[in-house]
PDB file of N, CA and C in Angstrom:
ATOM      1  N   UNK A   1     -19.781   6.274 -23.641  1.00  0.00           N
ATOM      2  CA  UNK A   1     -19.521   6.637 -22.256  1.00  0.00           C
ATOM      3  C   UNK A   1     -18.607   5.602 -21.608  1.00  0.00           C
ATOM      4  N   UNK A   2     -17.689   6.063 -20.786  1.00  0.00           N
ATOM      5  CA  UNK A   2     -16.713   5.205 -20.111  1.00  0.00           C
ATOM      6  C   UNK A   2     -17.342   4.517 -18.906  1.00  0.00           C
ATOM      7  N   UNK A   3     -17.135   3.221 -18.774  1.00  0.00           N
ATOM      8  CA  UNK A   3     -17.645   2.464 -17.628  1.00  0.00           C
ATOM      9  C   UNK A   3     -16.777   2.783 -16.418  1.00  0.00           C
ATOM     10  N   UNK A   4     -17.333   3.499 -15.444  1.00  0.00           N
ATOM     11  CA  UNK A   4     -16.541   3.961 -14.301  1.00  0.00           C
ATOM     12  C   UNK A   4     -16.049   2.811 -13.440  1.00  0.00           C
ATOM     13  N   UNK A   5     -16.693   1.660 -13.502  1.00  0.00           N
ATOM     14  CA  UNK A   5     -16.246   0.547 -12.669  1.00  0.00           C
ATOM     15  C   UNK A   5     -14.927  -0.036 -13.161  1.00  0.00           C
ATOM     16  N   UNK A   6     -14.500   0.354 -14.361  1.00  0.00           N
ATOM     17  CA  UNK A   6     -13.252  -0.185 -14.903  1.00  0.00           C
ATOM     18  C   UNK A   6     -12.138   0.847 -14.938  1.00  0.00           C
ATOM     19  N   UNK A   7     -12.222   1.871 -14.102  1.00  0.00           N
ATOM     20  CA  UNK A   7     -11.155   2.876 -14.052  1.00  0.00           C
ATOM     21  C   UNK A   7      -9.867   2.173 -13.642  1.00  0.00           C
ATOM     22  N   UNK A   8      -8.876   2.148 -14.539  1.00  0.00           N
ATOM     23  CA  UNK A   8      -7.656   1.381 -14.244  1.00  0.00           C
ATOM     24  C   UNK A   8      -6.721   2.094 -13.274  1.00  0.00           C
ATOM     25  N   UNK A   9      -5.981   1.300 -12.547  1.00  0.00           N
ATOM     26  CA  UNK A   9      -4.917   1.774 -11.656  1.00  0.00           C
ATOM     27  C   UNK A   9      -3.725   0.846 -11.839  1.00  0.00           C
ATOM     28  N   UNK A  10      -2.564   1.262 -11.328  1.00  0.00           N
ATOM     29  CA  UNK A  10      -1.427   0.352 -11.308  1.00  0.00           C
ATOM     30  C   UNK A  10      -1.797  -0.808 -10.372  1.00  0.00           C
ATOM     31  N   UNK A  11      -1.635  -2.027 -10.847  1.00  0.00           N
ATOM     32  CA  UNK A  11      -2.076  -3.196 -10.072  1.00  0.00           C
ATOM     33  C   UNK A  11      -1.465  -3.211  -8.670  1.00  0.00           C
ATOM     34  N   UNK A  12      -2.259  -3.688  -7.749  1.00  0.00           N
ATOM     35  CA  UNK A  12      -1.862  -3.733  -6.349  1.00  0.00           C
ATOM     36  C   UNK A  12      -2.252  -5.095  -5.789  1.00  0.00           C
ATOM     37  N   UNK A  13      -1.458  -5.608  -4.873  1.00  0.00           N
ATOM     38  CA  UNK A  13      -1.758  -6.890  -4.239  1.00  0.00           C
ATOM     39  C   UNK A  13      -1.535  -6.763  -2.731  1.00  0.00           C
ATOM     40  N   UNK A  14      -2.414  -7.417  -1.972  1.00  0.00           N
ATOM     41  CA  UNK A  14      -2.355  -7.348  -0.511  1.00  0.00           C
ATOM     42  C   UNK A  14      -2.573  -8.755   0.044  1.00  0.00           C
ATOM     43  N   UNK A  15      -1.618  -9.270   0.837  1.00  0.00           N
ATOM     44  CA  UNK A  15      -1.876 -10.546   1.510  1.00  0.00           C
ATOM     45  C   UNK A  15      -2.808 -10.287   2.691  1.00  0.00           C
ATOM     46  N   UNK A  16      -3.928 -10.990   2.733  1.00  0.00           N
ATOM     47  CA  UNK A  16      -4.915 -10.755   3.780  1.00  0.00           C
ATOM     48  C   UNK A  16      -4.549 -11.508   5.056  1.00  0.00           C
ATOM     49  N   UNK A  17      -5.086 -11.068   6.186  1.00  0.00           N
ATOM     50  CA  UNK A  17      -4.656 -11.596   7.489  1.00  0.00           C
ATOM     51  C   UNK A  17      -4.818 -13.102   7.670  1.00  0.00           C
ATOM     52  N   UNK A  18      -5.737 -13.731   6.951  1.00  0.00           N
ATOM     53  CA  UNK A  18      -5.903 -15.175   7.134  1.00  0.00           C
ATOM     54  C   UNK A  18      -4.731 -15.958   6.549  1.00  0.00           C
ATOM     55  N   UNK A  19      -3.829 -15.247   5.888  1.00  0.00           N
ATOM     56  CA  UNK A  19      -2.593 -15.796   5.326  1.00  0.00           C
ATOM     57  C   UNK A  19      -2.823 -16.850   4.243  1.00  0.00           C
ATOM     58  N   UNK A  20      -4.079 -17.086   3.899  1.00  0.00           N
ATOM     59  CA  UNK A  20      -4.384 -18.036   2.842  1.00  0.00           C
ATOM     60  C   UNK A  20      -4.790 -17.339   1.559  1.00  0.00           C
ATOM     61  N   UNK A  21      -5.114 -16.055   1.658  1.00  0.00           N
ATOM     62  CA  UNK A  21      -5.636 -15.340   0.504  1.00  0.00           C
ATOM     63  C   UNK A  21      -4.812 -14.105   0.184  1.00  0.00           C
ATOM     64  N   UNK A  22      -4.682 -13.872  -1.093  1.00  0.00           N
ATOM     65  CA  UNK A  22      -4.000 -12.694  -1.620  1.00  0.00           C
ATOM     66  C   UNK A  22      -5.032 -11.959  -2.445  1.00  0.00           C
ATOM     67  N   UNK A  23      -5.273 -10.696  -2.168  1.00  0.00           N
ATOM     68  CA  UNK A  23      -6.240  -9.922  -2.944  1.00  0.00           C
ATOM     69  C   UNK A  23      -5.489  -9.014  -3.909  1.00  0.00           C
ATOM     70  N   UNK A  24      -5.934  -8.967  -5.147  1.00  0.00           N
ATOM     71  CA  UNK A  24      -5.323  -8.085  -6.136  1.00  0.00           C
ATOM     72  C   UNK A  24      -6.406  -7.215  -6.765  1.00  0.00           C
ATOM     73  N   UNK A  25      -5.988  -6.037  -7.218  1.00  0.00           N
ATOM     74  CA  UNK A  25      -6.912  -5.123  -7.890  1.00  0.00           C
ATOM     75  C   UNK A  25      -6.150  -4.343  -8.953  1.00  0.00           C
ATOM     76  N   UNK A  26      -6.836  -4.089 -10.046  1.00  0.00           N
ATOM     77  CA  UNK A  26      -6.263  -3.253 -11.099  1.00  0.00           C
ATOM     78  C   UNK A  26      -7.258  -2.170 -11.518  1.00  0.00           C
ATOM     79  N   UNK A  27      -8.347  -2.050 -10.737  1.00  0.00           N
ATOM     80  CA  UNK A  27      -9.340  -1.004 -10.963  1.00  0.00           C
ATOM     81  C   UNK A  27      -9.758  -0.407  -9.624  1.00  0.00           C
ATOM     82  N   UNK A  28     -10.391   0.755  -9.673  1.00  0.00           N
ATOM     83  CA  UNK A  28     -10.891   1.390  -8.452  1.00  0.00           C
ATOM     84  C   UNK A  28     -11.959   0.517  -7.799  1.00  0.00           C
ATOM     85  N   UNK A  29     -12.848  -0.052  -8.586  1.00  0.00           N
ATOM     86  CA  UNK A  29     -13.874  -0.912  -7.998  1.00  0.00           C
ATOM     87  C   UNK A  29     -13.243  -2.153  -7.356  1.00  0.00           C
ATOM     88  N   UNK A  30     -12.122  -2.616  -7.902  1.00  0.00           N
ATOM     89  CA  UNK A  30     -11.391  -3.721  -7.284  1.00  0.00           C
ATOM     90  C   UNK A  30     -10.846  -3.347  -5.916  1.00  0.00           C
ATOM     91  N   UNK A  31     -10.363  -2.104  -5.788  1.00  0.00           N
ATOM     92  CA  UNK A  31      -9.893  -1.633  -4.476  1.00  0.00           C
ATOM     93  C   UNK A  31     -11.040  -1.636  -3.475  1.00  0.00           C
ATOM     94  N   UNK A  32     -12.207  -1.173  -3.921  1.00  0.00           N
ATOM     95  CA  UNK A  32     -13.369  -1.141  -3.038  1.00  0.00           C
ATOM     96  C   UNK A  32     -13.765  -2.551  -2.616  1.00  0.00           C
ATOM     97  N   UNK A  33     -13.689  -3.493  -3.539  1.00  0.00           N
ATOM     98  CA  UNK A  33     -14.010  -4.882  -3.208  1.00  0.00           C
ATOM     99  C   UNK A  33     -13.102  -5.403  -2.100  1.00  0.00           C
ATOM    100  N   UNK A  34     -11.817  -5.071  -2.182  1.00  0.00           N
ATOM    101  CA  UNK A  34     -10.878  -5.517  -1.149  1.00  0.00           C
ATOM    102  C   UNK A  34     -11.208  -4.858   0.189  1.00  0.00           C
ATOM    103  N   UNK A  35     -11.423  -3.536   0.163  1.00  0.00           N
ATOM    104  CA  UNK A  35     -11.733  -2.819   1.404  1.00  0.00           C
ATOM    105  C   UNK A  35     -12.984  -3.358   2.087  1.00  0.00           C
ATOM    106  N   UNK A  36     -13.947  -3.779   1.298  1.00  0.00           N
ATOM    107  CA  UNK A  36     -15.218  -4.232   1.859  1.00  0.00           C
ATOM    108  C   UNK A  36     -15.292  -5.748   2.022  1.00  0.00           C
ATOM    109  N   UNK A  37     -14.204  -6.417   1.719  1.00  0.00           N
ATOM    110  CA  UNK A  37     -14.154  -7.872   1.836  1.00  0.00           C
ATOM    111  C   UNK A  37     -14.297  -8.296   3.293  1.00  0.00           C
ATOM    112  N   UNK A  38     -14.903  -9.449   3.490  1.00  0.00           N
ATOM    113  CA  UNK A  38     -15.021  -9.978   4.851  1.00  0.00           C
ATOM    114  C   UNK A  38     -13.658 -10.381   5.418  1.00  0.00           C
ATOM    115  N   UNK A  39     -12.655 -10.504   4.549  1.00  0.00           N
ATOM    116  CA  UNK A  39     -11.310 -10.864   5.001  1.00  0.00           C
ATOM    117  C   UNK A  39     -10.470  -9.649   5.422  1.00  0.00           C
ATOM    118  N   UNK A  40     -10.949  -8.431   5.105  1.00  0.00           N
ATOM    119  CA  UNK A  40     -10.239  -7.225   5.545  1.00  0.00           C
ATOM    120  C   UNK A  40     -10.338  -7.152   7.063  1.00  0.00           C
ATOM    121  N   UNK A  41      -9.263  -6.757   7.748  1.00  0.00           N
ATOM    122  CA  UNK A  41      -9.307  -6.689   9.224  1.00  0.00           C
ATOM    123  C   UNK A  41     -10.367  -5.695   9.709  1.00  0.00           C
ATOM    124  N   UNK A  42     -11.531  -6.179  10.061  1.00  0.00           N
ATOM    125  CA  UNK A  42     -12.675  -5.334  10.424  1.00  0.00           C
ATOM    126  C   UNK A  42     -12.406  -4.444  11.634  1.00  0.00           C
ATOM    127  N   UNK A  43     -11.652  -4.920  12.563  1.00  0.00           N
ATOM    128  CA  UNK A  43     -11.417  -4.103  13.759  1.00  0.00           C
ATOM    129  C   UNK A  43     -10.587  -2.861  13.448  1.00  0.00           C
ATOM    130  N   UNK A  44     -10.092  -2.764  12.236  1.00  0.00           N
ATOM    131  CA  UNK A  44      -9.276  -1.612  11.866  1.00  0.00           C
ATOM    132  C   UNK A  44      -9.985  -0.687  10.881  1.00  0.00           C
ATOM    133  N   UNK A  45     -11.310  -0.746  10.829  1.00  0.00           N
ATOM    134  CA  UNK A  45     -12.067   0.094   9.905  1.00  0.00           C
ATOM    135  C   UNK A  45     -12.214   1.507  10.456  1.00  0.00           C
ATOM    136  N   UNK A  46     -11.109   2.114  10.805  1.00  0.00           N
ATOM    137  CA  UNK A  46     -11.102   3.456  11.358  1.00  0.00           C
ATOM    138  C   UNK A  46     -11.071   4.520  10.281  1.00  0.00           C
ATOM    139  N   UNK A  47     -10.609   5.703  10.646  1.00  0.00           N
ATOM    140  CA  UNK A  47     -10.610   6.839   9.727  1.00  0.00           C
ATOM    141  C   UNK A  47      -9.806   6.612   8.442  1.00  0.00           C
ATOM    142  N   UNK A  48      -8.711   5.892   8.509  1.00  0.00           N
ATOM    143  CA  UNK A  48      -7.894   5.649   7.318  1.00  0.00           C
ATOM    144  C   UNK A  48      -8.646   4.759   6.335  1.00  0.00           C
ATOM    145  N   UNK A  49      -9.310   3.732   6.854  1.00  0.00           N
ATOM    146  CA  UNK A  49     -10.122   2.846   6.014  1.00  0.00           C
ATOM    147  C   UNK A  49     -11.289   3.628   5.409  1.00  0.00           C
ATOM    148  N   UNK A  50     -11.955   4.426   6.222  1.00  0.00           N
ATOM    149  CA  UNK A  50     -13.089   5.223   5.739  1.00  0.00           C
ATOM    150  C   UNK A  50     -12.641   6.209   4.660  1.00  0.00           C
ATOM    151  N   UNK A  51     -11.477   6.824   4.863  1.00  0.00           N
ATOM    152  CA  UNK A  51     -10.941   7.761   3.866  1.00  0.00           C
ATOM    153  C   UNK A  51     -10.652   7.032   2.551  1.00  0.00           C
ATOM    154  N   UNK A  52     -10.096   5.832   2.637  1.00  0.00           N
ATOM    155  CA  UNK A  52      -9.800   5.066   1.422  1.00  0.00           C
ATOM    156  C   UNK A  52     -11.084   4.724   0.675  1.00  0.00           C
ATOM    157  N   UNK A  53     -12.093   4.285   1.393  1.00  0.00           N
ATOM    158  CA  UNK A  53     -13.357   3.939   0.760  1.00  0.00           C
ATOM    159  C   UNK A  53     -14.005   5.176   0.129  1.00  0.00           C
ATOM    160  N   UNK A  54     -13.994   6.285   0.862  1.00  0.00           N
ATOM    161  CA  UNK A  54     -14.555   7.536   0.333  1.00  0.00           C
ATOM    162  C   UNK A  54     -13.764   8.008  -0.889  1.00  0.00           C
ATOM    163  N   UNK A  55     -12.451   7.846  -0.864  1.00  0.00           N
ATOM    164  CA  UNK A  55     -11.614   8.247  -1.998  1.00  0.00           C
ATOM    165  C   UNK A  55     -11.939   7.417  -3.234  1.00  0.00           C
ATOM    166  N   UNK A  56     -12.158   6.128  -3.042  1.00  0.00           N
ATOM    167  CA  UNK A  56     -12.536   5.269  -4.169  1.00  0.00           C
ATOM    168  C   UNK A  56     -13.883   5.713  -4.744  1.00  0.00           C
ATOM    169  N   UNK A  57     -14.836   5.995  -3.874  1.00  0.00           N
ATOM    170  CA  UNK A  57     -16.143   6.461  -4.340  1.00  0.00           C
ATOM    171  C   UNK A  57     -16.022   7.778  -5.105  1.00  0.00           C
ATOM    172  N   UNK A  58     -15.240   8.698  -4.576  1.00  0.00           N
ATOM    173  CA  UNK A  58     -15.034   9.985  -5.246  1.00  0.00           C
ATOM    174  C   UNK A  58     -14.351   9.793  -6.594  1.00  0.00           C
ATOM    175  N   UNK A  59     -13.435   8.843  -6.671  1.00  0.00           N
ATOM    176  CA  UNK A  59     -12.763   8.567  -7.936  1.00  0.00           C
ATOM    177  C   UNK A  59     -13.754   8.005  -8.956  1.00  0.00           C
ATOM    178  N   UNK A  60     -14.623   7.107  -8.509  1.00  0.00           N
ATOM    179  CA  UNK A  60     -15.635   6.550  -9.407  1.00  0.00           C
ATOM    180  C   UNK A  60     -16.588   7.634  -9.913  1.00  0.00           C
ATOM    181  N   UNK A  61     -16.789   8.664  -9.110  1.00  0.00           N
ATOM    182  CA  UNK A  61     -17.668   9.766  -9.497  1.00  0.00           C
ATOM    183  C   UNK A  61     -16.934  10.822 -10.323  1.00  0.00           C
ATOM    184  N   UNK A  62     -15.648  10.624 -10.536  1.00  0.00           N
ATOM    185  CA  UNK A  62     -14.867  11.559 -11.335  1.00  0.00           C
ATOM    186  C   UNK A  62     -14.383  12.770 -10.565  1.00  0.00           C
ATOM    187  N   UNK A  63     -14.479  12.754  -9.251  1.00  0.00           N
ATOM    188  CA  UNK A  63     -14.081  13.887  -8.410  1.00  0.00           C
ATOM    189  C   UNK A  63     -12.637  13.798  -7.923  1.00  0.00           C
ATOM    190  N   UNK A  64     -12.015  12.638  -8.075  1.00  0.00           N
ATOM    191  CA  UNK A  64     -10.674  12.414  -7.545  1.00  0.00           C
ATOM    192  C   UNK A  64      -9.896  11.548  -8.530  1.00  0.00           C
ATOM    193  N   UNK A  65      -8.631  11.879  -8.719  1.00  0.00           N
ATOM    194  CA  UNK A  65      -7.784  11.095  -9.607  1.00  0.00           C
ATOM    195  C   UNK A  65      -7.636   9.665  -9.076  1.00  0.00           C
ATOM    196  N   UNK A  66      -7.662   8.670  -9.951  1.00  0.00           N
ATOM    197  CA  UNK A  66      -7.496   7.281  -9.518  1.00  0.00           C
ATOM    198  C   UNK A  66      -6.207   7.048  -8.719  1.00  0.00           C
ATOM    199  N   UNK A  67      -5.134   7.752  -9.072  1.00  0.00           N
ATOM    200  CA  UNK A  67      -3.877   7.570  -8.323  1.00  0.00           C
ATOM    201  C   UNK A  67      -4.024   8.006  -6.867  1.00  0.00           C
ATOM    202  N   UNK A  68      -4.831   9.022  -6.614  1.00  0.00           N
ATOM    203  CA  UNK A  68      -5.060   9.480  -5.234  1.00  0.00           C
ATOM    204  C   UNK A  68      -5.881   8.451  -4.449  1.00  0.00           C
ATOM    205  N   UNK A  69      -6.853   7.848  -5.110  1.00  0.00           N
ATOM    206  CA  UNK A  69      -7.650   6.808  -4.451  1.00  0.00           C
ATOM    207  C   UNK A  69      -6.772   5.593  -4.151  1.00  0.00           C
ATOM    208  N   UNK A  70      -5.896   5.255  -5.099  1.00  0.00           N
ATOM    209  CA  UNK A  70      -4.985   4.128  -4.882  1.00  0.00           C
ATOM    210  C   UNK A  70      -4.076   4.407  -3.690  1.00  0.00           C
ATOM    211  N   UNK A  71      -3.564   5.635  -3.589  1.00  0.00           N
ATOM    212  CA  UNK A  71      -2.688   5.988  -2.471  1.00  0.00           C
ATOM    213  C   UNK A  71      -3.444   5.920  -1.144  1.00  0.00           C
ATOM    214  N   UNK A  72      -4.699   6.327  -1.134  1.00  0.00           N
ATOM    215  CA  UNK A  72      -5.512   6.232   0.084  1.00  0.00           C
ATOM    216  C   UNK A  72      -5.692   4.763   0.478  1.00  0.00           C
ATOM    217  N   UNK A  73      -5.854   3.894  -0.518  1.00  0.00           N
ATOM    218  CA  UNK A  73      -5.952   2.458  -0.241  1.00  0.00           C
ATOM    219  C   UNK A  73      -4.655   1.938   0.375  1.00  0.00           C
ATOM    220  N   UNK A  74      -3.530   2.340  -0.201  1.00  0.00           N
ATOM    221  CA  UNK A  74      -2.222   1.915   0.317  1.00  0.00           C
ATOM    222  C   UNK A  74      -2.077   2.345   1.780  1.00  0.00           C
ATOM    223  N   UNK A  75      -2.475   3.560   2.093  1.00  0.00           N
ATOM    224  CA  UNK A  75      -2.395   4.055   3.477  1.00  0.00           C
ATOM    225  C   UNK A  75      -3.276   3.221   4.402  1.00  0.00           C
ATOM    226  N   UNK A  76      -4.473   2.873   3.951  1.00  0.00           N
ATOM    227  CA  UNK A  76      -5.376   2.059   4.771  1.00  0.00           C
ATOM    228  C   UNK A  76      -4.802   0.661   4.994  1.00  0.00           C
ATOM    229  N   UNK A  77      -4.223   0.099   3.953  1.00  0.00           N
ATOM    230  CA  UNK A  77      -3.628  -1.234   4.091  1.00  0.00           C
ATOM    231  C   UNK A  77      -2.461  -1.210   5.068  1.00  0.00           C
ATOM    232  N   UNK A  78      -1.629  -0.204   4.960  1.00  0.00           N
ATOM    233  CA  UNK A  78      -0.504  -0.101   5.896  1.00  0.00           C
ATOM    234  C   UNK A  78      -0.984   0.132   7.320  1.00  0.00           C
ATOM    235  N   UNK A  79      -2.042   0.916   7.492  1.00  0.00           N
ATOM    236  CA  UNK A  79      -2.603   1.135   8.831  1.00  0.00           C
ATOM    237  C   UNK A  79      -3.150  -0.163   9.405  1.00  0.00           C
ATOM    238  N   UNK A  80      -3.586  -1.064   8.527  1.00  0.00           N
ATOM    239  CA  UNK A  80      -4.082  -2.369   8.953  1.00  0.00           C
ATOM    240  C   UNK A  80      -2.961  -3.396   9.063  1.00  0.00           C
ATOM    241  N   UNK A  81      -1.722  -2.930   8.924  1.00  0.00           N
ATOM    242  CA  UNK A  81      -0.522  -3.779   9.018  1.00  0.00           C
ATOM    243  C   UNK A  81      -0.494  -4.849   7.929  1.00  0.00           C
ATOM    244  N   UNK A  82      -0.961  -4.463   6.742  1.00  0.00           N
ATOM    245  CA  UNK A  82      -0.910  -5.351   5.588  1.00  0.00           C
ATOM    246  C   UNK A  82       0.190  -4.883   4.648  1.00  0.00           C
ATOM    247  N   UNK A  83       0.926  -5.816   4.120  1.00  0.00           N
ATOM    248  CA  UNK A  83       1.964  -5.493   3.150  1.00  0.00           C
ATOM    249  C   UNK A  83       1.298  -5.169   1.821  1.00  0.00           C
ATOM    250  N   UNK A  84       1.804  -4.164   1.132  1.00  0.00           N
ATOM    251  CA  UNK A  84       1.242  -3.740  -0.145  1.00  0.00           C
ATOM    252  C   UNK A  84       2.288  -3.951  -1.231  1.00  0.00           C
ATOM    253  N   UNK A  85       1.919  -4.747  -2.221  1.00  0.00           N
ATOM    254  CA  UNK A  85       2.836  -5.013  -3.319  1.00  0.00           C
ATOM    255  C   UNK A  85       2.320  -4.346  -4.584  1.00  0.00           C
ATOM    256  N   UNK A  86       3.131  -3.733  -5.375  1.00  0.00           N
ATOM    257  CA  UNK A  86       4.585  -3.656  -5.332  1.00  0.00           C
ATOM    258  C   UNK A  86       5.119  -2.486  -4.519  1.00  0.00           C
ATOM    259  N   UNK A  87       4.257  -1.678  -3.934  1.00  0.00           N
ATOM    260  CA  UNK A  87       4.675  -0.442  -3.263  1.00  0.00           C
ATOM    261  C   UNK A  87       5.700  -0.667  -2.157  1.00  0.00           C
ATOM    262  N   UNK A  88       5.453  -1.644  -1.287  1.00  0.00           N
ATOM    263  CA  UNK A  88       6.375  -1.856  -0.173  1.00  0.00           C
ATOM    264  C   UNK A  88       7.717  -2.414  -0.633  1.00  0.00           C
ATOM    265  N   UNK A  89       7.717  -3.198  -1.690  1.00  0.00           N
ATOM    266  CA  UNK A  89       8.986  -3.690  -2.231  1.00  0.00           C
ATOM    267  C   UNK A  89       9.830  -2.536  -2.757  1.00  0.00           C
ATOM    268  N   UNK A  90       9.185  -1.610  -3.470  1.00  0.00           N
ATOM    269  CA  UNK A  90       9.902  -0.454  -3.997  1.00  0.00           C
ATOM    270  C   UNK A  90      10.416   0.423  -2.864  1.00  0.00           C
ATOM    271  N   UNK A  91       9.626   0.576  -1.827  1.00  0.00           N
ATOM    272  CA  UNK A  91      10.028   1.393  -0.679  1.00  0.00           C
ATOM    273  C   UNK A  91      11.246   0.782   0.017  1.00  0.00           C
ATOM    274  N   UNK A  92      11.240  -0.536   0.178  1.00  0.00           N
ATOM    275  CA  UNK A  92      12.375  -1.210   0.813  1.00  0.00           C
ATOM    276  C   UNK A  92      13.634  -1.089  -0.040  1.00  0.00           C
ATOM    277  N   UNK A  93      13.471  -1.249  -1.369  1.00  0.00           N
ATOM    278  CA  UNK A  93      14.628  -1.128  -2.253  1.00  0.00           C
ATOM    279  C   UNK A  93      15.218   0.271  -2.210  1.00  0.00           C
ATOM    280  N   UNK A  94      14.377   1.279  -2.222  1.00  0.00           N
ATOM    281  CA  UNK A  94      14.893   2.649  -2.220  1.00  0.00           C
ATOM    282  C   UNK A  94      15.522   2.989  -0.871  1.00  0.00           C
ATOM    283  N   UNK A  95      14.976   2.450   0.210  1.00  0.00           N
ATOM    284  CA  UNK A  95      15.555   2.685   1.529  1.00  0.00           C
ATOM    285  C   UNK A  95      16.924   2.010   1.647  1.00  0.00           C
ATOM    286  N   UNK A  96      17.045   0.814   1.112  1.00  0.00           N
ATOM    287  CA  UNK A  96      18.313   0.086   1.166  1.00  0.00           C
ATOM    288  C   UNK A  96      19.384   0.770   0.342  1.00  0.00           C
ATOM    289  N   UNK A  97      18.989   1.461  -0.710  1.00  0.00           N
ATOM    290  CA  UNK A  97      19.958   2.113  -1.584  1.00  0.00           C
ATOM    291  C   UNK A  97      20.273   3.549  -1.165  1.00  0.00           C
ATOM    292  N   UNK A  98      19.600   4.048  -0.140  1.00  0.00           N
ATOM    293  CA  UNK A  98      19.790   5.454   0.228  1.00  0.00           C
ATOM    294  C   UNK A  98      21.170   5.696   0.845  1.00  0.00           C
ATOM    295  N   UNK A  99      21.768   6.865   0.586  1.00  0.00           N
ATOM    296  CA  UNK A  99      23.074   7.198   1.151  1.00  0.00           C
ATOM    297  C   UNK A  99      23.049   7.199   2.679  1.00  0.00           C
ATOM    298  N   UNK A 100      21.949   7.626   3.294  1.00  0.00           N
ATOM    299  CA  UNK A 100      21.827   7.656   4.756  1.00  0.00           C
ATOM    300  C   UNK A 100      21.997   6.256   5.335  1.00  0.00           C
ATOM    301  N   UNK A 101      21.375   5.256   4.704  1.00  0.00           N
ATOM    302  CA  UNK A 101      21.485   3.874   5.178  1.00  0.00           C
ATOM    303  C   UNK A 101      22.930   3.404   5.113  1.00  0.00           C
ATOM    304  N   UNK A 102      23.632   3.759   4.042  1.00  0.00           N
ATOM    305  CA  UNK A 102      25.020   3.334   3.906  1.00  0.00           C
ATOM    306  C   UNK A 102      25.884   3.941   4.997  1.00  0.00           C
ATOM    307  N   UNK A 103      25.615   5.190   5.360  1.00  0.00           N
ATOM    308  CA  UNK A 103      26.376   5.848   6.428  1.00  0.00           C
ATOM    309  C   UNK A 103      26.131   5.154   7.756  1.00  0.00           C
ATOM    310  N   UNK A 104      24.869   4.837   8.052  1.00  0.00           N
ATOM    311  CA  UNK A 104      24.529   4.176   9.319  1.00  0.00           C
ATOM    312  C   UNK A 104      25.171   2.806   9.388  1.00  0.00           C
ATOM    313  N   UNK A 105      25.101   2.035   8.296  1.00  0.00           N
ATOM    314  CA  UNK A 105      25.718   0.710   8.274  1.00  0.00           C
ATOM    315  C   UNK A 105      27.221   0.826   8.472  1.00  0.00           C
ATOM    316  N   UNK A 106      27.864   1.747   7.800  1.00  0.00           N
ATOM    317  CA  UNK A 106      29.307   1.941   7.923  1.00  0.00           C
ATOM    318  C   UNK A 106      29.660   2.331   9.355  1.00  0.00           C
ATOM    319  N   UNK A 107      28.871   3.233   9.977  1.00  0.00           N
ATOM    320  CA  UNK A 107      29.122   3.657  11.355  1.00  0.00           C
ATOM    321  C   UNK A 107      29.020   2.464  12.308  1.00  0.00           C
ATOM    322  N   UNK A 108      28.006   1.616  12.114  1.00  0.00           N
ATOM    323  CA  UNK A 108      27.846   0.438  12.972  1.00  0.00           C
ATOM    324  C   UNK A 108      29.025  -0.517  12.814  1.00  0.00           C
ATOM    325  N   UNK A 109      29.484  -0.668  11.569  1.00  0.00           N
ATOM    326  CA  UNK A 109      30.629  -1.540  11.322  1.00  0.00           C
ATOM    327  C   UNK A 109      31.869  -1.004  12.033  1.00  0.00           C
ATOM    328  N   UNK A 110      32.067   0.298  11.980  1.00  0.00           N
ATOM    329  CA  UNK A 110      33.217   0.918  12.637  1.00  0.00           C
ATOM    330  C   UNK A 110      33.125   0.765  14.141  1.00  0.00           C
ATOM    331  N   UNK A 111      31.932   0.984  14.701  1.00  0.00           N
ATOM    332  CA  UNK A 111      31.744   0.848  16.142  1.00  0.00           C
ATOM    333  C   UNK A 111      31.972  -0.578  16.612  1.00  0.00           C
ATOM    334  N   UNK A 112      31.598  -1.522  15.771  1.00  0.00           N
ATOM    335  CA  UNK A 112      31.769  -2.924  16.122  1.00  0.00           C
ATOM    336  C   UNK A 112      33.189  -3.398  15.877  1.00  0.00           C
ATOM    337  N   UNK A 113      33.976  -2.571  15.213  1.00  0.00           N
ATOM    338  CA  UNK A 113      35.358  -2.936  14.910  1.00  0.00           C
ATOM    339  C   UNK A 113      35.483  -3.968  13.816  1.00  0.00           C
ATOM    340  N   UNK A 114      34.427  -4.082  13.000  1.00  0.00           N
ATOM    341  CA  UNK A 114      34.456  -5.099  11.953  1.00  0.00           C
ATOM    342  C   UNK A 114      35.024  -4.581  10.636  1.00  0.00           C
ATOM    343  N   UNK A 115      35.415  -3.313  10.609  1.00  0.00           N
ATOM    344  CA  UNK A 115      35.967  -2.744   9.378  1.00  0.00           C
ATOM    345  C   UNK A 115      37.397  -2.312   9.661  1.00  0.00           C
ATOM    346  N   UNK A 116      38.302  -2.720   8.813  1.00  0.00           N
ATOM    347  CA  UNK A 116      39.680  -2.278   8.966  1.00  0.00           C
ATOM    348  C   UNK A 116      39.773  -0.834   8.542  1.00  0.00           C
ATOM    349  N   UNK A 117      40.377  -0.031   9.310  1.00  0.00           N
ATOM    350  CA  UNK A 117      40.396   1.363   8.963  1.00  0.00           C
ATOM    351  C   UNK A 117      41.742   1.889   9.001  1.00  0.00           C
TER     352      UNK A 117
END
């Protein structure tokens, strides 16, 4: 029988608000440990946090894919204004490379007169 506490996920890291600690997880139970940590911003334990915790529990029970529980955790962390690694790095890279961003930057350069045309 598979030990449900070791359900693997793509590793995730979150710098906690005290700025001295970095929490990492590579399992669903690890995500739950972070969510329930005393260092998690308690005043933000609203619906997004509750959904993430419930998603982790459902994943441990085999009712939800681990990737869905991980995504719920990412949403809760972002709602708590915590950076999520590597997810936020990938999001920033893809946003910087998007054609829309290049158009906006080019338009600003033209408006500022910094581009010879």
